[in-house]
Amino acid sequence: MEKTQNLRNILEEVARTKQFEPKILEQKVFDLWRKYFGVPLGTKTTPVSLSDGVLKIYTEYPPYRRELLFLKQKIIATLNAELEQPILTDLQIELRQVETITPDDPEEKQSTTRRGSSEQSSPKTVHRTTPEELERIEQTLASVTDTRLKKSLRQLFITQTEDTP
């Protein structure tokens, strides 16, 4: 238990100093989305970003967009309660073609869906993670023994470096 708490403290400090906190919150919201809204709503809609309290969600189905708009306040309240802080203030729901997420491997499909959606909607040049950045990430993660946590943190750090040119 003590090792887990020490690791948690170290990771929280790294997140604070490297400014990963917004990305960690974003990832928590994405994970909660799949957990709370499951099939079909959670698989036919895709959260793509969280910025200034606004969660952007893509769906290609007008009925799901209407349902999200109808449930907007309940969704915000549910997610904020689970996050234990008032992070979300609004939902922005857009009709866009997205890859649907199936329960087989939601983590892999979610990360590719988000990356694919943002690249389609934004013409900006994407920064690719350099070998030096990958090495730094691996060094940072060397002491993490939980494989799921390690995989999730690796993806978070890679996404963060790709988002920051």
Protein backbone atom coordinates (compact mmCIF):
# COMPACT_ATOMS: atom_id res chain seq x y z
CA MET A 1 0.00 0.00 0.00
CA GLU A 2 2.86 2.38 0.87
CA LYS A 3 4.58 1.76 -2.49
CA THR A 4 1.32 2.48 -4.30
CA GLN A 5 0.89 5.75 -2.39
CA ASN A 6 4.50 6.75 -3.13
CA LEU A 7 4.00 6.00 -6.82
CA ARG A 8 0.79 8.00 -6.80
CA ASN A 9 2.60 10.97 -5.21
CA ILE A 10 5.41 10.75 -7.76
CA LEU A 11 2.98 10.57 -10.67
CA GLU A 12 0.95 13.50 -9.32
CA GLU A 13 4.15 15.55 -9.02
CA VAL A 14 5.25 14.62 -12.55
CA ALA A 15 1.78 15.53 -13.84
CA ARG A 16 1.92 18.91 -12.10
CA THR A 17 5.45 19.81 -13.21
CA LYS A 18 5.00 18.59 -16.79
CA GLN A 19 1.53 20.15 -17.08
CA PHE A 20 -0.16 16.80 -17.80
CA GLU A 21 -3.08 17.46 -15.43
CA PRO A 22 -5.47 18.66 -18.17
CA LYS A 23 -4.70 15.56 -20.26
CA ILE A 24 -5.15 13.28 -17.25
CA LEU A 25 -8.56 14.83 -16.56
CA GLU A 26 -9.46 14.47 -20.22
CA GLN A 27 -8.51 10.78 -20.13
CA LYS A 28 -10.58 10.27 -16.97
CA VAL A 29 -13.59 11.83 -18.68
CA PHE A 30 -13.11 9.58 -21.73
CA ASP A 31 -12.88 6.49 -19.51
CA LEU A 32 -15.96 7.54 -17.53
CA TRP A 33 -17.83 8.12 -20.77
CA ARG A 34 -17.39 4.49 -21.81
CA LYS A 35 -18.18 3.26 -18.29
CA TYR A 36 -21.38 5.24 -17.75
CA PHE A 37 -22.85 5.42 -21.21
CA GLY A 38 -21.91 1.95 -22.49
CA VAL A 39 -23.87 0.42 -25.36
CA PRO A 40 -25.25 1.97 -27.52
CA LEU A 41 -24.75 5.62 -26.48
CA GLY A 42 -21.12 5.20 -25.40
CA THR A 43 -20.23 3.24 -28.53
CA LYS A 44 -22.03 5.44 -31.06
CA THR A 45 -20.63 8.66 -29.64
CA THR A 46 -17.01 9.62 -29.10
CA PRO A 47 -15.63 12.23 -26.71
CA VAL A 48 -12.78 13.92 -28.56
CA SER A 49 -11.56 16.78 -26.37
CA LEU A 50 -12.02 18.61 -23.11
CA SER A 51 -11.13 22.29 -23.08
CA ASP A 52 -12.16 25.04 -20.66
CA GLY A 53 -14.86 22.81 -19.19
CA VAL A 54 -16.43 21.99 -22.56
CA LEU A 55 -16.49 18.33 -23.55
CA LYS A 56 -16.64 17.94 -27.33
CA ILE A 57 -18.44 14.83 -28.52
CA TYR A 58 -18.79 13.48 -32.05
CA THR A 59 -21.57 11.25 -33.29
CA GLU A 60 -22.71 10.46 -36.80
CA TYR A 61 -26.29 9.75 -35.74
CA PRO A 62 -28.77 12.65 -35.33
CA PRO A 63 -30.93 10.69 -32.83
CA TYR A 64 -27.91 10.25 -30.54
CA ARG A 65 -27.12 13.95 -30.84
CA ARG A 66 -30.70 14.77 -29.78
CA GLU A 67 -30.50 12.33 -26.88
CA LEU A 68 -27.21 13.85 -25.70
CA LEU A 69 -28.68 17.34 -25.89
CA PHE A 70 -31.74 16.18 -23.95
CA LEU A 71 -29.57 14.55 -21.26
CA LYS A 72 -26.87 17.25 -21.24
CA GLN A 73 -27.36 18.51 -17.66
CA LYS A 74 -27.66 14.98 -16.27
CA ILE A 75 -24.50 13.89 -18.12
CA ILE A 76 -22.54 16.90 -16.84
CA ALA A 77 -23.75 16.30 -13.26
CA THR A 78 -22.94 12.57 -13.42
CA LEU A 79 -19.42 13.07 -14.78
CA ASN A 80 -18.64 15.94 -12.37
CA ALA A 81 -19.84 13.85 -9.43
CA GLU A 82 -17.58 10.98 -10.49
CA LEU A 83 -14.63 13.36 -10.98
CA GLU A 84 -15.36 14.83 -7.52
CA GLN A 85 -14.94 18.37 -8.89
CA PRO A 86 -16.89 20.64 -11.25
CA ILE A 87 -14.74 20.17 -14.34
CA LEU A 88 -17.45 20.05 -17.00
CA THR A 89 -19.62 23.07 -17.72
CA ASP A 90 -21.01 22.21 -21.15
CA LEU A 91 -21.19 19.59 -23.90
CA GLN A 92 -20.59 20.42 -27.54
CA ILE A 93 -22.11 17.70 -29.70
CA GLU A 94 -21.19 17.61 -33.39
CA LEU A 95 -22.39 15.37 -36.18
CA ARG A 96 -19.24 13.85 -37.67
CA GLN A 97 -18.34 10.49 -39.09
CA VAL A 98 -16.53 8.53 -36.40
CA GLU A 99 -15.31 4.99 -35.93
CA THR A 100 -17.65 3.17 -33.64
CA ILE A 101 -16.18 1.63 -30.53
CA THR A 102 -16.99 -1.95 -29.76
CA PRO A 103 -16.59 -3.54 -26.34
CA ASP A 104 -13.78 -5.87 -27.58
CA ASP A 105 -10.92 -3.41 -27.08
CA PRO A 106 -12.31 0.05 -26.30
CA GLU A 107 -8.95 1.51 -25.24
CA GLU A 108 -7.24 0.88 -28.56
CA LYS A 109 -10.19 1.93 -30.67
CA GLN A 110 -10.85 5.01 -28.53
CA SER A 111 -7.30 6.33 -28.94
CA THR A 112 -7.32 5.81 -32.70
CA THR A 113 -10.79 7.30 -33.02
CA ARG A 114 -9.80 10.44 -31.15
CA ARG A 115 -6.57 10.87 -33.06
CA GLY A 116 -8.24 10.18 -36.43
CA SER A 117 -11.11 12.56 -35.72
CA SER A 118 -8.92 15.43 -34.63
CA GLU A 119 -6.61 15.01 -37.61
CA GLN A 120 -9.55 15.07 -39.99
CA SER A 121 -11.05 18.19 -38.48
CA SER A 122 -7.82 20.14 -38.15
CA PRO A 123 -5.47 20.86 -41.05
CA LYS A 124 -2.54 21.68 -38.74
CA THR A 125 0.71 19.74 -38.94
CA VAL A 126 0.94 16.94 -36.41
CA HIS A 127 4.07 16.70 -34.30
CA ARG A 128 5.40 13.15 -34.19
CA THR A 129 7.07 11.84 -31.05
CA THR A 130 10.84 11.74 -31.49
CA PRO A 131 13.02 8.82 -30.37
CA GLU A 132 14.48 11.07 -27.64
CA GLU A 133 10.98 11.86 -26.33
CA LEU A 134 10.07 8.16 -26.41
CA GLU A 135 13.23 7.34 -24.45
CA ARG A 136 12.36 9.99 -21.83
CA ILE A 137 8.84 8.57 -21.54
CA GLU A 138 10.19 5.03 -21.09
CA GLN A 139 12.64 6.24 -18.41
CA THR A 140 9.80 7.98 -16.58
CA LEU A 141 7.70 4.80 -16.71
CA ALA A 142 10.51 2.40 -15.78
CA SER A 143 9.41 2.12 -12.13
CA VAL A 144 5.71 1.55 -12.92
CA THR A 145 4.92 -2.16 -12.53
CA ASP A 146 1.17 -2.17 -13.23
CA THR A 147 0.97 -2.94 -16.97
CA ARG A 148 -2.44 -1.30 -17.54
CA LEU A 149 -1.33 1.86 -15.75
CA LYS A 150 1.96 1.85 -17.65
CA LYS A 151 0.17 1.46 -21.00
CA SER A 152 -2.29 4.23 -20.16
CA LEU A 153 0.43 6.62 -18.98
CA ARG A 154 2.58 5.86 -22.04
CA GLN A 155 -0.34 6.72 -24.32
CA LEU A 156 -1.05 9.87 -22.33
CA PHE A 157 2.56 11.04 -22.48
CA ILE A 158 2.85 10.27 -26.20
CA THR A 159 -0.40 12.13 -26.90
CA GLN A 160 0.83 15.07 -24.84
CA THR A 161 4.11 15.28 -26.78
CA GLU A 162 2.27 14.99 -30.11
CA ASP A 163 -0.13 17.76 -29.11
CA THR A 164 2.73 20.06 -28.09
CA PRO A 165 5.03 20.90 -31.03
